[in-house]
Amino acid sequence: MPTKQTELNKAWQEKNKARQKYLNYRSYAKIFIRDLATEEDIEFLNELIEQRKHGEKFE
């Protein structure tokens, strides 16, 4: 039987799907960078970040 908090969490997620998607992707990115990324991956991501900062299109 689900607890009240579980029900509230599920209701929040249903009501805030876009925010939940954003939070999930941000979490995935942090885990990838922290635990899995190679030096090459980090260099590539830094290039993408710099392009984003300057409003350039991604290649």
Protein backbone atom coordinates (compact mmCIF):
# COMPACT_ATOMS: atom_id res chain seq x y z
CA MET A 1 0.00 0.00 0.00
CA PRO A 2 1.53 3.33 -1.06
CA THR A 3 2.27 5.87 1.62
CA LYS A 4 0.79 9.35 1.55
CA GLN A 5 4.19 10.79 0.59
CA THR A 6 4.48 8.38 -2.35
CA GLU A 7 1.05 9.46 -3.56
CA LEU A 8 1.99 13.13 -3.22
CA ASN A 9 5.25 12.57 -5.11
CA LYS A 10 3.43 10.82 -7.93
CA ALA A 11 0.85 13.61 -8.11
CA TRP A 12 3.61 16.25 -8.26
CA GLN A 13 5.40 14.36 -11.04
CA GLU A 14 2.21 14.08 -13.08
CA LYS A 15 1.49 17.78 -12.62
CA ASN A 16 5.07 18.88 -13.38
CA LYS A 17 6.22 16.60 -16.20
CA ALA A 18 8.45 19.19 -17.89
CA ARG A 19 10.21 20.06 -14.62
CA GLN A 20 10.65 16.38 -13.77
CA LYS A 21 12.17 15.72 -17.20
CA TYR A 22 14.58 18.63 -16.71
CA LEU A 23 15.63 17.37 -13.27
CA ASN A 24 16.14 13.83 -14.57
CA TYR A 25 18.34 14.96 -17.46
CA ARG A 26 20.36 17.23 -15.18
CA SER A 27 20.93 14.34 -12.81
CA TYR A 28 21.99 12.04 -15.67
CA ALA A 29 24.46 14.64 -16.90
CA LYS A 30 26.02 15.06 -13.46
CA ILE A 31 26.38 11.31 -12.99
CA PHE A 32 27.89 10.88 -16.44
CA ILE A 33 30.42 13.66 -15.91
CA ARG A 34 31.32 12.61 -12.39
CA ASP A 35 31.49 8.83 -12.82
CA LEU A 36 31.76 7.81 -16.47
CA ALA A 37 33.15 10.52 -18.73
CA THR A 38 36.60 10.16 -20.25
CA GLU A 39 38.92 13.13 -20.73
CA GLU A 40 37.81 13.17 -24.37
CA ASP A 41 34.15 13.30 -23.31
CA ILE A 42 34.86 16.19 -20.94
CA GLU A 43 36.70 18.13 -23.65
CA PHE A 44 33.78 17.60 -26.03
CA LEU A 45 31.25 18.69 -23.41
CA ASN A 46 33.31 21.79 -22.63
CA GLU A 47 33.23 22.70 -26.33
CA LEU A 48 29.45 22.31 -26.39
CA ILE A 49 29.11 24.44 -23.27
CA GLU A 50 31.26 27.20 -24.77
CA GLN A 51 29.19 27.12 -27.98
CA ARG A 52 26.01 27.37 -25.92
CA LYS A 53 27.36 30.32 -23.92
CA HIS A 54 28.10 32.21 -27.13
CA GLY A 55 24.81 31.33 -28.79
CA GLU A 56 26.46 29.28 -31.53
CA LYS A 57 24.76 26.40 -33.28
CA PHE A 58 25.84 22.90 -32.35
CA GLU A 59 27.62 20.86 -34.99
